[in-house]
Structures are given as C-alpha cells and as structure tokens.
Amino acid sequence: AGAVVTADVPPYAIVGGNPARVIRTRHRDEDIARLL
C-alpha cells in the first residue's frame, strides 16, 4: 500500500515504499523458476 513503483519489479518480489524497493521475495530463486 502506498508504494511508488519507479523501476521494474522481479517475479514474486514484495515491494514497498517511495520509491519502491524489494523487501523480500516470496520464494527461493529455484522455486520461482519452477513457478514460472
């Protein structure tokens, strides 16, 4: 909520803030690849 997204956001990332920054990813890199 309230984020200002000024740059690309990676898959399964959680971003927030102004400008938005990656807070964490929802899954490990290898699991993100499996989901994609």
All heavy atoms as atom14 arrays in JSON, in Angstrom:
{
  "sequence": "AGAVVTADVPPYAIVGGNPARVIRTRHRDEDIARLL",
  "atom14_mask": [
    [1, 1, 1, 1, 1, 0, 0, 0, 0, 0, 0, 0, 0, 0],
    [1, 1, 1, 1, 0, 0, 0, 0, 0, 0, 0, 0, 0, 0],
    [1, 1, 1, 1, 1, 0, 0, 0, 0, 0, 0, 0, 0, 0],
    [1, 1, 1, 1, 1, 1, 1, 0, 0, 0, 0, 0, 0, 0],
    [1, 1, 1, 1, 1, 1, 1, 0, 0, 0, 0, 0, 0, 0],
    [1, 1, 1, 1, 1, 1, 1, 0, 0, 0, 0, 0, 0, 0],
    [1, 1, 1, 1, 1, 0, 0, 0, 0, 0, 0, 0, 0, 0],
    [1, 1, 1, 1, 1, 1, 1, 1, 0, 0, 0, 0, 0, 0],
    [1, 1, 1, 1, 1, 1, 1, 0, 0, 0, 0, 0, 0, 0],
    [1, 1, 1, 1, 1, 1, 1, 0, 0, 0, 0, 0, 0, 0],
    [1, 1, 1, 1, 1, 1, 1, 0, 0, 0, 0, 0, 0, 0],
    [1, 1, 1, 1, 1, 1, 1, 1, 1, 1, 1, 1, 0, 0],
    [1, 1, 1, 1, 1, 0, 0, 0, 0, 0, 0, 0, 0, 0],
    [1, 1, 1, 1, 1, 1, 1, 1, 0, 0, 0, 0, 0, 0],
    [1, 1, 1, 1, 1, 1, 1, 0, 0, 0, 0, 0, 0, 0],
    [1, 1, 1, 1, 0, 0, 0, 0, 0, 0, 0, 0, 0, 0],
    [1, 1, 1, 1, 0, 0, 0, 0, 0, 0, 0, 0, 0, 0],
    [1, 1, 1, 1, 1, 1, 1, 1, 0, 0, 0, 0, 0, 0],
    [1, 1, 1, 1, 1, 1, 1, 0, 0, 0, 0, 0, 0, 0],
    [1, 1, 1, 1, 1, 0, 0, 0, 0, 0, 0, 0, 0, 0],
    [1, 1, 1, 1, 1, 1, 1, 1, 1, 1, 1, 0, 0, 0],
    [1, 1, 1, 1, 1, 1, 1, 0, 0, 0, 0, 0, 0, 0],
    [1, 1, 1, 1, 1, 1, 1, 1, 0, 0, 0, 0, 0, 0],
    [1, 1, 1, 1, 1, 1, 1, 1, 1, 1, 1, 0, 0, 0],
    [1, 1, 1, 1, 1, 1, 1, 0, 0, 0, 0, 0, 0, 0],
    [1, 1, 1, 1, 1, 1, 1, 1, 1, 1, 1, 0, 0, 0],
    [1, 1, 1, 1, 1, 1, 1, 1, 1, 1, 0, 0, 0, 0],
    [1, 1, 1, 1, 1, 1, 1, 1, 1, 1, 1, 0, 0, 0],
    [1, 1, 1, 1, 1, 1, 1, 1, 0, 0, 0, 0, 0, 0],
    [1, 1, 1, 1, 1, 1, 1, 1, 1, 0, 0, 0, 0, 0],
    [1, 1, 1, 1, 1, 1, 1, 1, 0, 0, 0, 0, 0, 0],
    [1, 1, 1, 1, 1, 1, 1, 1, 0, 0, 0, 0, 0, 0],
    [1, 1, 1, 1, 1, 0, 0, 0, 0, 0, 0, 0, 0, 0],
    [1, 1, 1, 1, 1, 1, 1, 1, 1, 1, 1, 0, 0, 0],
    [1, 1, 1, 1, 1, 1, 1, 1, 0, 0, 0, 0, 0, 0],
    [1, 1, 1, 1, 1, 1, 1, 1, 0, 0, 0, 0, 0, 0]
  ],
  "atom14_positions": [
    [[0.84, -1.21, 0.0], [0.0, 0.0, 0.0], [0.87, 1.25, 0.0], [1.85, 1.35, 0.73], [-0.92, 0.0, 1.22], [0.0, 0.0, 0.0], [0.0, 0.0, 0.0], [0.0, 0.0, 0.0], [0.0, 0.0, 0.0], [0.0, 0.0, 0.0], [0.0, 0.0, 0.0], [0.0, 0.0, 0.0], [0.0, 0.0, 0.0], [0.0, 0.0, 0.0]],
    [[0.49, 2.22, -0.83], [1.18, 3.5, -0.88], [2.5, 3.5, -1.61], [3.15, 4.54, -1.69], [0.0, 0.0, 0.0], [0.0, 0.0, 0.0], [0.0, 0.0, 0.0], [0.0, 0.0, 0.0], [0.0, 0.0, 0.0], [0.0, 0.0, 0.0], [0.0, 0.0, 0.0], [0.0, 0.0, 0.0], [0.0, 0.0, 0.0], [0.0, 0.0, 0.0]],
    [[2.89, 2.37, -2.17], [4.18, 2.3, -2.86], [4.15, 3.13, -4.14], [3.12, 3.27, -4.79], [4.52, 0.85, -3.2], [0.0, 0.0, 0.0], [0.0, 0.0, 0.0], [0.0, 0.0, 0.0], [0.0, 0.0, 0.0], [0.0, 0.0, 0.0], [0.0, 0.0, 0.0], [0.0, 0.0, 0.0], [0.0, 0.0, 0.0], [0.0, 0.0, 0.0]],
    [[5.31, 3.67, -4.49], [5.5, 4.36, -5.77], [6.55, 3.55, -6.54], [7.73, 3.55, -6.2], [5.96, 5.81, -5.58], [6.19, 6.48, -6.92], [4.93, 6.6, -4.77], [0.0, 0.0, 0.0], [0.0, 0.0, 0.0], [0.0, 0.0, 0.0], [0.0, 0.0, 0.0], [0.0, 0.0, 0.0], [0.0, 0.0, 0.0], [0.0, 0.0, 0.0]],
    [[6.08, 2.86, -7.57], [6.94, 1.92, -8.3], [7.57, 2.65, -9.47], [6.9, 3.01, -10.44], [6.14, 0.71, -8.78], [7.07, -0.32, -9.42], [5.37, 0.07, -7.62], [0.0, 0.0, 0.0], [0.0, 0.0, 0.0], [0.0, 0.0, 0.0], [0.0, 0.0, 0.0], [0.0, 0.0, 0.0], [0.0, 0.0, 0.0], [0.0, 0.0, 0.0]],
    [[8.87, 2.87, -9.39], [9.61, 3.62, -10.41], [10.52, 2.74, -11.25], [11.07, 3.2, -12.24], [10.45, 4.73, -9.76], [11.42, 4.12, -8.9], [9.59, 5.68, -8.95], [0.0, 0.0, 0.0], [0.0, 0.0, 0.0], [0.0, 0.0, 0.0], [0.0, 0.0, 0.0], [0.0, 0.0, 0.0], [0.0, 0.0, 0.0], [0.0, 0.0, 0.0]],
    [[10.7, 1.49, -10.85], [11.61, 0.59, -11.55], [10.98, -0.79, -11.63], [10.02, -1.11, -10.9], [12.95, 0.52, -10.83], [0.0, 0.0, 0.0], [0.0, 0.0, 0.0], [0.0, 0.0, 0.0], [0.0, 0.0, 0.0], [0.0, 0.0, 0.0], [0.0, 0.0, 0.0], [0.0, 0.0, 0.0], [0.0, 0.0, 0.0], [0.0, 0.0, 0.0]],
    [[11.51, -1.64, -12.5], [10.96, -2.97, -12.7], [10.97, -3.78, -11.41], [11.86, -3.63, -10.56], [11.75, -3.72, -13.76], [11.57, -3.13, -15.16], [10.73, -2.22, -15.32], [12.28, -3.57, -16.08], [0.0, 0.0, 0.0], [0.0, 0.0, 0.0], [0.0, 0.0, 0.0], [0.0, 0.0, 0.0], [0.0, 0.0, 0.0], [0.0, 0.0, 0.0]],
    [[9.97, -4.64, -11.27], [9.82, -5.5, -10.09], [10.01, -6.95, -10.52], [9.31, -7.43, -11.42], [8.42, -5.3, -9.45], [8.24, -6.26, -8.28], [8.22, -3.86, -9.02], [0.0, 0.0, 0.0], [0.0, 0.0, 0.0], [0.0, 0.0, 0.0], [0.0, 0.0, 0.0], [0.0, 0.0, 0.0], [0.0, 0.0, 0.0], [0.0, 0.0, 0.0]],
    [[10.94, -7.68, -9.9], [11.16, -9.08, -10.29], [9.96, -9.96, -9.96], [9.14, -9.63, -9.09], [12.37, -9.49, -9.46], [13.0, -8.21, -9.01], [11.88, -7.23, -8.87], [0.0, 0.0, 0.0], [0.0, 0.0, 0.0], [0.0, 0.0, 0.0], [0.0, 0.0, 0.0], [0.0, 0.0, 0.0], [0.0, 0.0, 0.0], [0.0, 0.0, 0.0]],
    [[9.84, -11.11, -10.6], [8.76, -12.04, -10.27], [8.79, -12.45, -8.8], [9.85, -12.65, -8.22], [9.05, -13.25, -11.18], [9.86, -12.71, -12.3], [10.68, -11.61, -11.71], [0.0, 0.0, 0.0], [0.0, 0.0, 0.0], [0.0, 0.0, 0.0], [0.0, 0.0, 0.0], [0.0, 0.0, 0.0], [0.0, 0.0, 0.0], [0.0, 0.0, 0.0]],
    [[7.61, -12.53, -8.21], [7.42, -13.0, -6.84], [8.15, -12.15, -5.81], [8.45, -12.62, -4.71], [7.79, -14.48, -6.72], [6.81, -15.36, -7.48], [7.05, -15.75, -8.79], [5.62, -15.75, -6.89], [6.15, -16.51, -9.5], [4.69, -16.52, -7.6], [4.96, -16.89, -8.9], [4.05, -17.62, -9.6], [0.0, 0.0, 0.0], [0.0, 0.0, 0.0]],
    [[8.44, -10.9, -6.14], [9.02, -9.99, -5.16], [7.9, -9.24, -4.43], [6.82, -9.01, -4.97], [9.94, -8.98, -5.85], [0.0, 0.0, 0.0], [0.0, 0.0, 0.0], [0.0, 0.0, 0.0], [0.0, 0.0, 0.0], [0.0, 0.0, 0.0], [0.0, 0.0, 0.0], [0.0, 0.0, 0.0], [0.0, 0.0, 0.0], [0.0, 0.0, 0.0]],
    [[8.18, -8.86, -3.19], [7.31, -7.98, -2.42], [8.02, -6.64, -2.33], [9.16, -6.56, -1.85], [7.05, -8.53, -1.01], [6.39, -9.92, -1.09], [6.18, -7.57, -0.2], [6.26, -10.6, 0.26], [0.0, 0.0, 0.0], [0.0, 0.0, 0.0], [0.0, 0.0, 0.0], [0.0, 0.0, 0.0], [0.0, 0.0, 0.0], [0.0, 0.0, 0.0]],
    [[7.37, -5.58, -2.83], [8.0, -4.26, -2.83], [7.13, -3.28, -2.06], [5.91, -3.43, -1.95], [8.25, -3.75, -4.26], [9.15, -4.69, -5.03], [6.94, -3.52, -5.02], [0.0, 0.0, 0.0], [0.0, 0.0, 0.0], [0.0, 0.0, 0.0], [0.0, 0.0, 0.0], [0.0, 0.0, 0.0], [0.0, 0.0, 0.0], [0.0, 0.0, 0.0]],
    [[7.77, -2.25, -1.52], [7.05, -1.2, -0.8], [7.9, 0.04, -0.69], [9.12, 0.0, -0.9], [0.0, 0.0, 0.0], [0.0, 0.0, 0.0], [0.0, 0.0, 0.0], [0.0, 0.0, 0.0], [0.0, 0.0, 0.0], [0.0, 0.0, 0.0], [0.0, 0.0, 0.0], [0.0, 0.0, 0.0], [0.0, 0.0, 0.0], [0.0, 0.0, 0.0]],
    [[7.26, 1.17, -0.36], [7.98, 2.41, -0.13], [7.96, 3.35, -1.33], [7.37, 3.07, -2.37], [0.0, 0.0, 0.0], [0.0, 0.0, 0.0], [0.0, 0.0, 0.0], [0.0, 0.0, 0.0], [0.0, 0.0, 0.0], [0.0, 0.0, 0.0], [0.0, 0.0, 0.0], [0.0, 0.0, 0.0], [0.0, 0.0, 0.0], [0.0, 0.0, 0.0]],
    [[8.6, 4.51, -1.14], [8.7, 5.53, -2.17], [10.15, 6.04, -2.22], [10.58, 6.74, -1.31], [7.75, 6.69, -1.88], [7.83, 7.78, -2.93], [8.47, 7.64, -3.95], [7.16, 8.9, -2.66], [0.0, 0.0, 0.0], [0.0, 0.0, 0.0], [0.0, 0.0, 0.0], [0.0, 0.0, 0.0], [0.0, 0.0, 0.0], [0.0, 0.0, 0.0]],
    [[10.89, 5.66, -3.27], [10.5, 4.74, -4.34], [10.46, 3.3, -3.83], [11.13, 2.97, -2.85], [11.59, 4.94, -5.39], [12.79, 5.34, -4.59], [12.26, 6.19, -3.46], [0.0, 0.0, 0.0], [0.0, 0.0, 0.0], [0.0, 0.0, 0.0], [0.0, 0.0, 0.0], [0.0, 0.0, 0.0], [0.0, 0.0, 0.0], [0.0, 0.0, 0.0]],
    [[9.68, 2.46, -4.5], [9.51, 1.08, -4.05], [10.82, 0.32, -4.11], [11.58, 0.44, -5.08], [8.46, 0.38, -4.9], [0.0, 0.0, 0.0], [0.0, 0.0, 0.0], [0.0, 0.0, 0.0], [0.0, 0.0, 0.0], [0.0, 0.0, 0.0], [0.0, 0.0, 0.0], [0.0, 0.0, 0.0], [0.0, 0.0, 0.0], [0.0, 0.0, 0.0]],
    [[11.08, -0.44, -3.09], [12.26, -1.3, -3.01], [11.82, -2.72, -2.68], [10.78, -2.92, -2.04], [13.21, -0.81, -1.91], [13.77, 0.58, -2.16], [14.91, 0.56, -3.17], [15.58, 1.84, -3.3], [15.35, 2.72, -4.26], [14.43, 2.46, -5.18], [16.01, 3.86, -4.31], [0.0, 0.0, 0.0], [0.0, 0.0, 0.0], [0.0, 0.0, 0.0]],
    [[12.62, -3.69, -3.09], [12.31, -5.09, -2.77], [12.51, -5.31, -1.27], [13.61, -5.08, -0.74], [13.18, -6.05, -3.58], [12.93, -7.5, -3.14], [12.91, -5.9, -5.07], [0.0, 0.0, 0.0], [0.0, 0.0, 0.0], [0.0, 0.0, 0.0], [0.0, 0.0, 0.0], [0.0, 0.0, 0.0], [0.0, 0.0, 0.0], [0.0, 0.0, 0.0]],
    [[11.45, -5.73, -0.6], [11.51, -6.06, 0.82], [12.01, -7.5, 0.99], [12.9, -7.78, 1.79], [10.14, -5.88, 1.47], [9.68, -4.41, 1.34], [10.16, -6.33, 2.93], [8.23, -4.19, 1.73], [0.0, 0.0, 0.0], [0.0, 0.0, 0.0], [0.0, 0.0, 0.0], [0.0, 0.0, 0.0], [0.0, 0.0, 0.0], [0.0, 0.0, 0.0]],
    [[11.44, -8.37, 0.21], [11.89, -9.76, 0.16], [11.21, -10.42, -1.02], [10.33, -9.84, -1.65], [11.56, -10.53, 1.45], [10.08, -10.7, 1.74], [9.87, -11.52, 2.99], [8.47, -11.66, 3.37], [7.67, -12.64, 2.91], [8.14, -13.54, 2.06], [6.42, -12.71, 3.31], [0.0, 0.0, 0.0], [0.0, 0.0, 0.0], [0.0, 0.0, 0.0]],
    [[11.64, -11.64, -1.33], [10.93, -12.42, -2.34], [10.06, -13.45, -1.64], [10.33, -13.86, -0.51], [11.91, -13.12, -3.3], [12.82, -13.93, -2.54], [12.69, -12.1, -4.11], [0.0, 0.0, 0.0], [0.0, 0.0, 0.0], [0.0, 0.0, 0.0], [0.0, 0.0, 0.0], [0.0, 0.0, 0.0], [0.0, 0.0, 0.0], [0.0, 0.0, 0.0]],
    [[9.02, -13.86, -2.32], [8.07, -14.79, -1.71], [8.6, -16.22, -1.69], [8.13, -17.04, -0.88], [6.75, -14.75, -2.49], [6.05, -13.39, -2.43], [4.81, -13.36, -3.32], [3.91, -14.45, -2.99], [2.99, -14.93, -3.83], [2.88, -14.44, -5.05], [2.19, -15.92, -3.45], [0.0, 0.0, 0.0], [0.0, 0.0, 0.0], [0.0, 0.0, 0.0]],
    [[9.53, -16.54, -2.55], [10.06, -17.9, -2.65], [11.55, -17.84, -2.97], [12.07, -16.8, -3.37], [9.33, -18.69, -3.74], [7.84, -18.74, -3.58], [7.23, -19.6, -2.69], [6.84, -18.03, -4.16], [5.92, -19.43, -2.74], [5.66, -18.48, -3.63], [0.0, 0.0, 0.0], [0.0, 0.0, 0.0], [0.0, 0.0, 0.0], [0.0, 0.0, 0.0]],
    [[12.22, -18.97, -2.83], [13.62, -19.07, -3.22], [13.75, -18.99, -4.74], [12.79, -19.29, -5.47], [14.2, -20.4, -2.73], [14.18, -20.56, -1.2], [14.69, -21.93, -0.81], [13.9, -23.01, -1.43], [14.18, -24.29, -1.36], [15.25, -24.7, -0.68], [13.41, -25.19, -1.96], [0.0, 0.0, 0.0], [0.0, 0.0, 0.0], [0.0, 0.0, 0.0]],
    [[14.92, -18.61, -5.22], [15.11, -18.44, -6.66], [14.75, -19.7, -7.44], [14.09, -19.62, -8.49], [16.56, -18.05, -6.96], [16.9, -16.64, -6.53], [15.96, -15.88, -6.21], [18.1, -16.29, -6.5], [0.0, 0.0, 0.0], [0.0, 0.0, 0.0], [0.0, 0.0, 0.0], [0.0, 0.0, 0.0], [0.0, 0.0, 0.0], [0.0, 0.0, 0.0]],
    [[15.18, -20.85, -6.95], [14.9, -22.09, -7.67], [13.4, -22.41, -7.7], [12.88, -22.96, -8.67], [15.68, -23.27, -7.08], [15.45, -23.51, -5.59], [16.45, -22.79, -4.7], [16.91, -21.68, -5.07], [16.77, -23.35, -3.63], [0.0, 0.0, 0.0], [0.0, 0.0, 0.0], [0.0, 0.0, 0.0], [0.0, 0.0, 0.0], [0.0, 0.0, 0.0]],
    [[12.68, -22.01, -6.63], [11.24, -22.24, -6.6], [10.51, -21.24, -7.49], [9.48, -21.58, -8.1], [10.73, -22.15, -5.16], [11.18, -23.32, -4.31], [11.47, -24.39, -4.89], [11.26, -23.17, -3.07], [0.0, 0.0, 0.0], [0.0, 0.0, 0.0], [0.0, 0.0, 0.0], [0.0, 0.0, 0.0], [0.0, 0.0, 0.0], [0.0, 0.0, 0.0]],
    [[11.02, -20.02, -7.58], [10.43, -19.05, -8.5], [10.54, -19.56, -9.94], [9.59, -19.46, -10.72], [11.11, -17.67, -8.34], [10.72, -17.05, -7.0], [10.75, -16.74, -9.5], [11.48, -15.79, -6.64], [0.0, 0.0, 0.0], [0.0, 0.0, 0.0], [0.0, 0.0, 0.0], [0.0, 0.0, 0.0], [0.0, 0.0, 0.0], [0.0, 0.0, 0.0]],
    [[11.68, -20.14, -10.27], [11.85, -20.7, -11.62], [10.83, -21.8, -11.88], [10.27, -21.91, -12.99], [13.27, -21.23, -11.79], [0.0, 0.0, 0.0], [0.0, 0.0, 0.0], [0.0, 0.0, 0.0], [0.0, 0.0, 0.0], [0.0, 0.0, 0.0], [0.0, 0.0, 0.0], [0.0, 0.0, 0.0], [0.0, 0.0, 0.0], [0.0, 0.0, 0.0]],
    [[10.56, -22.62, -10.86], [9.57, -23.69, -11.03], [8.17, -23.12, -11.2], [7.38, -23.6, -12.04], [9.61, -24.62, -9.8], [10.89, -25.4, -9.68], [11.02, -26.05, -8.3], [10.0, -27.07, -8.08], [9.78, -27.63, -6.88], [10.49, -27.24, -5.82], [8.86, -28.56, -6.76], [0.0, 0.0, 0.0], [0.0, 0.0, 0.0], [0.0, 0.0, 0.0]],
    [[7.84, -22.08, -10.45], [6.52, -21.45, -10.58], [6.34, -20.81, -11.95], [5.27, -20.91, -12.56], [6.34, -20.41, -9.48], [6.11, -20.96, -8.08], [6.32, -19.87, -7.03], [4.72, -21.56, -7.96], [0.0, 0.0, 0.0], [0.0, 0.0, 0.0], [0.0, 0.0, 0.0], [0.0, 0.0, 0.0], [0.0, 0.0, 0.0], [0.0, 0.0, 0.0]],
    [[7.37, -20.16, -12.44], [7.28, -19.56, -13.77], [7.14, -20.63, -14.84], [6.45, -20.43, -15.85], [8.5, -18.69, -14.04], [8.66, -17.45, -13.16], [9.98, -16.75, -13.45], [7.49, -16.49, -13.34], [0.0, 0.0, 0.0], [0.0, 0.0, 0.0], [0.0, 0.0, 0.0], [0.0, 0.0, 0.0], [0.0, 0.0, 0.0], [0.0, 0.0, 0.0]]
  ]
}
